[in-house]
Amino acid sequence: TNEQTNDVPSLAGDYCTTGAVIASLGDAPAAARWYVEGGISQRSNGQALIGLAPGTYTIKFVDVDGYTTPADQSVTVEAGKDTKINATYVSK
């Protein structure tokens, strides 16, 4: 907050140079996880991975016993935006 004017600065625009990916896995089993190829941090259903530089990424999904793993997805991340994807684990 700017103490002189009591204004709250906007963090949009030029200040935000990274983006995020959010994966919705539908009615997935609790063990279902997703991650960006080459990364070690896994996320669960509905969680976001923030701080990604703009560019194209491959989203991969963790194998879960008794389910068919969703196919990899390619996503393009833009600065200041959330990229949302959907994937479905299918019971075998």
N, C-alpha and C. Protein backbone atom coordinates (compact mmCIF):
# COMPACT_ATOMS: atom_id res chain seq x y z
N THR A 1 0.84 -1.18 0.00
CA THR A 1 0.00 0.00 0.00
C THR A 1 0.88 1.24 0.00
N ASN A 2 0.54 2.20 -0.81
CA ASN A 2 1.23 3.48 -0.82
C ASN A 2 0.73 4.29 0.35
N GLU A 3 1.56 4.53 1.33
CA GLU A 3 1.14 5.23 2.55
C GLU A 3 0.77 6.68 2.30
N GLN A 4 1.28 7.28 1.23
CA GLN A 4 0.97 8.68 0.94
C GLN A 4 -0.44 8.85 0.40
N THR A 5 -0.89 7.89 -0.41
CA THR A 5 -2.21 8.04 -1.04
C THR A 5 -3.18 6.96 -0.61
N ASN A 6 -2.71 5.98 0.17
CA ASN A 6 -3.53 4.86 0.62
C ASN A 6 -4.05 4.03 -0.55
N ASP A 7 -3.32 4.02 -1.66
CA ASP A 7 -3.68 3.23 -2.83
C ASP A 7 -2.98 1.88 -2.79
N VAL A 8 -3.63 0.87 -3.32
CA VAL A 8 -3.03 -0.45 -3.46
C VAL A 8 -2.59 -0.59 -4.90
N PRO A 9 -1.30 -0.82 -5.14
CA PRO A 9 -0.82 -0.93 -6.53
C PRO A 9 -1.35 -2.19 -7.19
N SER A 10 -1.57 -2.12 -8.49
CA SER A 10 -1.97 -3.28 -9.27
C SER A 10 -0.74 -4.13 -9.55
N LEU A 11 -0.86 -5.45 -9.39
CA LEU A 11 0.25 -6.34 -9.69
C LEU A 11 0.11 -6.99 -11.06
N ALA A 12 -0.86 -6.54 -11.81
CA ALA A 12 -1.08 -7.08 -13.15
C ALA A 12 -0.11 -6.45 -14.14
N GLY A 13 -0.15 -6.92 -15.34
CA GLY A 13 0.64 -6.32 -16.41
C GLY A 13 2.10 -6.67 -16.32
N ASP A 14 2.94 -5.66 -16.41
CA ASP A 14 4.38 -5.85 -16.49
C ASP A 14 4.99 -6.49 -15.25
N TYR A 15 4.32 -6.43 -14.13
CA TYR A 15 4.88 -6.98 -12.91
C TYR A 15 4.88 -8.51 -12.90
N CYS A 16 3.95 -9.09 -13.60
CA CYS A 16 3.80 -10.54 -13.58
C CYS A 16 4.40 -11.12 -14.86
N THR A 17 5.61 -11.67 -14.74
CA THR A 17 6.30 -12.17 -15.93
C THR A 17 6.23 -13.69 -16.04
N THR A 18 5.52 -14.33 -15.12
CA THR A 18 5.37 -15.78 -15.17
C THR A 18 3.89 -16.14 -15.23
N GLY A 19 3.62 -17.41 -15.48
CA GLY A 19 2.25 -17.89 -15.54
C GLY A 19 2.09 -19.13 -14.69
N ALA A 20 0.93 -19.77 -14.82
CA ALA A 20 0.64 -20.95 -14.02
C ALA A 20 -0.14 -21.97 -14.84
N VAL A 21 -0.08 -23.22 -14.39
CA VAL A 21 -0.89 -24.30 -14.96
C VAL A 21 -1.73 -24.87 -13.82
N ILE A 22 -3.00 -25.10 -14.09
CA ILE A 22 -3.91 -25.72 -13.14
C ILE A 22 -4.54 -26.92 -13.85
N ALA A 23 -4.42 -28.11 -13.24
CA ALA A 23 -4.97 -29.31 -13.86
C ALA A 23 -6.17 -29.82 -13.07
N SER A 24 -7.27 -30.00 -13.78
CA SER A 24 -8.47 -30.61 -13.21
C SER A 24 -8.50 -32.06 -13.66
N LEU A 25 -8.48 -32.97 -12.69
CA LEU A 25 -8.45 -34.40 -13.00
C LEU A 25 -9.80 -35.07 -12.80
N GLY A 26 -10.84 -34.29 -12.72
CA GLY A 26 -12.19 -34.83 -12.59
C GLY A 26 -12.35 -35.64 -11.32
N ASP A 27 -12.97 -36.79 -11.45
CA ASP A 27 -13.22 -37.69 -10.31
C ASP A 27 -12.06 -38.68 -10.19
N ALA A 28 -10.87 -38.15 -10.09
CA ALA A 28 -9.66 -38.98 -10.07
C ALA A 28 -9.44 -39.62 -8.70
N PRO A 29 -8.73 -40.75 -8.67
CA PRO A 29 -8.37 -41.36 -7.38
C PRO A 29 -7.44 -40.42 -6.61
N ALA A 30 -7.40 -40.57 -5.30
CA ALA A 30 -6.59 -39.70 -4.44
C ALA A 30 -5.11 -39.72 -4.82
N ALA A 31 -4.63 -40.83 -5.36
CA ALA A 31 -3.21 -40.95 -5.70
C ALA A 31 -2.85 -40.26 -7.02
N ALA A 32 -3.83 -39.76 -7.75
CA ALA A 32 -3.57 -39.13 -9.05
C ALA A 32 -2.75 -37.86 -8.87
N ARG A 33 -1.71 -37.73 -9.69
CA ARG A 33 -0.82 -36.57 -9.64
C ARG A 33 -0.41 -36.18 -11.06
N TRP A 34 -0.01 -34.92 -11.21
CA TRP A 34 0.49 -34.44 -12.50
C TRP A 34 1.73 -33.58 -12.25
N TYR A 35 2.53 -33.41 -13.31
CA TYR A 35 3.75 -32.61 -13.19
C TYR A 35 4.20 -32.14 -14.56
N VAL A 36 5.07 -31.14 -14.55
CA VAL A 36 5.67 -30.65 -15.79
C VAL A 36 6.87 -31.53 -16.10
N GLU A 37 6.94 -32.03 -17.33
CA GLU A 37 8.06 -32.89 -17.74
C GLU A 37 9.39 -32.24 -17.37
N GLY A 38 10.26 -33.02 -16.75
CA GLY A 38 11.56 -32.52 -16.34
C GLY A 38 11.55 -31.94 -14.93
N GLY A 39 10.36 -31.74 -14.38
CA GLY A 39 10.24 -31.19 -13.02
C GLY A 39 10.08 -32.32 -12.01
N ILE A 40 10.33 -32.01 -10.76
CA ILE A 40 10.20 -33.03 -9.73
C ILE A 40 9.00 -32.79 -8.82
N SER A 41 8.40 -31.63 -8.93
CA SER A 41 7.28 -31.27 -8.07
C SER A 41 5.97 -31.78 -8.67
N GLN A 42 5.27 -32.63 -7.93
CA GLN A 42 4.00 -33.17 -8.39
C GLN A 42 2.85 -32.44 -7.71
N ARG A 43 1.75 -32.30 -8.43
CA ARG A 43 0.56 -31.64 -7.92
C ARG A 43 -0.62 -32.60 -7.99
N SER A 44 -1.61 -32.37 -7.14
CA SER A 44 -2.81 -33.20 -7.16
C SER A 44 -3.94 -32.47 -7.89
N ASN A 45 -5.09 -33.09 -7.94
CA ASN A 45 -6.26 -32.57 -8.64
C ASN A 45 -6.58 -31.15 -8.20
N GLY A 46 -6.63 -30.23 -9.17
CA GLY A 46 -7.02 -28.85 -8.90
C GLY A 46 -5.91 -27.94 -8.42
N GLN A 47 -4.74 -28.47 -8.13
CA GLN A 47 -3.65 -27.63 -7.66
C GLN A 47 -2.97 -26.91 -8.83
N ALA A 48 -2.40 -25.75 -8.52
CA ALA A 48 -1.70 -24.95 -9.52
C ALA A 48 -0.20 -25.11 -9.37
N LEU A 49 0.49 -25.00 -10.48
CA LEU A 49 1.94 -24.89 -10.49
C LEU A 49 2.23 -23.49 -11.00
N ILE A 50 2.74 -22.64 -10.11
CA ILE A 50 2.94 -21.23 -10.45
C ILE A 50 4.41 -20.94 -10.75
N GLY A 51 4.66 -19.75 -11.27
CA GLY A 51 6.03 -19.31 -11.50
C GLY A 51 6.68 -19.88 -12.75
N LEU A 52 5.87 -20.31 -13.70
CA LEU A 52 6.42 -20.87 -14.94
C LEU A 52 6.71 -19.75 -15.94
N ALA A 53 7.90 -19.75 -16.51
CA ALA A 53 8.24 -18.79 -17.55
C ALA A 53 7.35 -19.05 -18.77
N PRO A 54 6.98 -18.01 -19.50
CA PRO A 54 6.19 -18.22 -20.71
C PRO A 54 6.88 -19.21 -21.65
N GLY A 55 6.07 -20.07 -22.25
CA GLY A 55 6.60 -21.07 -23.17
C GLY A 55 5.70 -22.28 -23.23
N THR A 56 6.16 -23.31 -23.91
CA THR A 56 5.39 -24.54 -24.08
C THR A 56 5.96 -25.62 -23.17
N TYR A 57 5.07 -26.32 -22.50
CA TYR A 57 5.44 -27.36 -21.54
C TYR A 57 4.64 -28.63 -21.82
N THR A 58 5.20 -29.76 -21.44
CA THR A 58 4.48 -31.03 -21.51
C THR A 58 4.06 -31.41 -20.10
N ILE A 59 2.76 -31.64 -19.95
CA ILE A 59 2.21 -32.06 -18.67
C ILE A 59 2.10 -33.58 -18.70
N LYS A 60 2.63 -34.23 -17.67
CA LYS A 60 2.61 -35.69 -17.57
C LYS A 60 1.80 -36.08 -16.34
N PHE A 61 1.32 -37.31 -16.34
CA PHE A 61 0.47 -37.80 -15.27
C PHE A 61 1.07 -39.07 -14.67
N VAL A 62 0.94 -39.20 -13.36
CA VAL A 62 1.51 -40.33 -12.63
C VAL A 62 0.59 -41.55 -12.79
N ASP A 63 1.19 -42.72 -13.00
CA ASP A 63 0.42 -43.97 -13.09
C ASP A 63 -0.21 -44.29 -11.74
N VAL A 64 -1.46 -44.75 -11.78
CA VAL A 64 -2.18 -45.17 -10.58
C VAL A 64 -2.72 -46.57 -10.84
N ASP A 65 -2.43 -47.50 -9.93
CA ASP A 65 -2.91 -48.88 -10.08
C ASP A 65 -4.42 -48.91 -10.27
N GLY A 66 -4.86 -49.70 -11.27
CA GLY A 66 -6.29 -49.87 -11.53
C GLY A 66 -6.90 -48.81 -12.42
N TYR A 67 -6.08 -47.86 -12.91
CA TYR A 67 -6.58 -46.78 -13.76
C TYR A 67 -5.70 -46.62 -15.00
N THR A 68 -6.33 -46.19 -16.09
CA THR A 68 -5.59 -45.83 -17.29
C THR A 68 -5.11 -44.40 -17.12
N THR A 69 -3.82 -44.19 -17.29
CA THR A 69 -3.22 -42.88 -17.11
C THR A 69 -3.56 -41.97 -18.29
N PRO A 70 -3.95 -40.72 -18.03
CA PRO A 70 -4.22 -39.79 -19.14
C PRO A 70 -2.99 -39.58 -20.00
N ALA A 71 -3.23 -39.27 -21.26
CA ALA A 71 -2.13 -38.97 -22.19
C ALA A 71 -1.47 -37.64 -21.81
N ASP A 72 -0.18 -37.53 -22.14
CA ASP A 72 0.53 -36.27 -21.93
C ASP A 72 -0.20 -35.15 -22.67
N GLN A 73 -0.09 -33.94 -22.13
CA GLN A 73 -0.69 -32.78 -22.78
C GLN A 73 0.35 -31.68 -22.94
N SER A 74 0.32 -31.02 -24.08
CA SER A 74 1.19 -29.88 -24.33
C SER A 74 0.40 -28.61 -24.02
N VAL A 75 0.99 -27.71 -23.23
CA VAL A 75 0.33 -26.45 -22.89
C VAL A 75 1.26 -25.28 -23.17
N THR A 76 0.66 -24.16 -23.51
CA THR A 76 1.42 -22.93 -23.70
C THR A 76 1.08 -21.99 -22.55
N VAL A 77 2.11 -21.60 -21.80
CA VAL A 77 1.95 -20.71 -20.66
C VAL A 77 2.25 -19.29 -21.12
N GLU A 78 1.36 -18.36 -20.70
CA GLU A 78 1.54 -16.95 -21.01
C GLU A 78 1.75 -16.18 -19.71
N ALA A 79 2.55 -15.13 -19.76
CA ALA A 79 2.82 -14.31 -18.59
C ALA A 79 1.53 -13.72 -18.04
N GLY A 80 1.36 -13.83 -16.73
CA GLY A 80 0.21 -13.24 -16.06
C GLY A 80 -1.09 -14.00 -16.19
N LYS A 81 -1.03 -15.21 -16.75
CA LYS A 81 -2.27 -15.97 -16.98
C LYS A 81 -2.17 -17.38 -16.39
N ASP A 82 -3.35 -17.90 -16.03
CA ASP A 82 -3.49 -19.30 -15.62
C ASP A 82 -3.89 -20.11 -16.84
N THR A 83 -3.18 -21.21 -17.09
CA THR A 83 -3.55 -22.12 -18.17
C THR A 83 -4.21 -23.33 -17.51
N LYS A 84 -5.45 -23.59 -17.87
CA LYS A 84 -6.21 -24.68 -17.27
C LYS A 84 -6.31 -25.85 -18.24
N ILE A 85 -6.09 -27.06 -17.69
CA ILE A 85 -6.23 -28.27 -18.50
C ILE A 85 -7.12 -29.25 -17.78
N ASN A 86 -7.68 -30.17 -18.53
CA ASN A 86 -8.51 -31.24 -17.98
C ASN A 86 -7.94 -32.57 -18.41
N ALA A 87 -7.98 -33.54 -17.52
CA ALA A 87 -7.54 -34.90 -17.83
C ALA A 87 -8.40 -35.86 -17.01
N THR A 88 -8.53 -37.10 -17.51
CA THR A 88 -9.38 -38.07 -16.84
C THR A 88 -8.65 -39.38 -16.65
N TYR A 89 -8.65 -39.86 -15.41
CA TYR A 89 -8.18 -41.21 -15.11
C TYR A 89 -9.39 -42.13 -15.29
N VAL A 90 -9.25 -43.20 -16.08
CA VAL A 90 -10.34 -44.12 -16.34
C VAL A 90 -10.07 -45.43 -15.63
N SER A 91 -11.05 -45.90 -14.87
CA SER A 91 -10.94 -47.17 -14.16
C SER A 91 -10.82 -48.31 -15.16
N LYS A 92 -9.89 -49.26 -14.90
CA LYS A 92 -9.69 -50.39 -15.81
C LYS A 92 -10.71 -51.47 -15.56
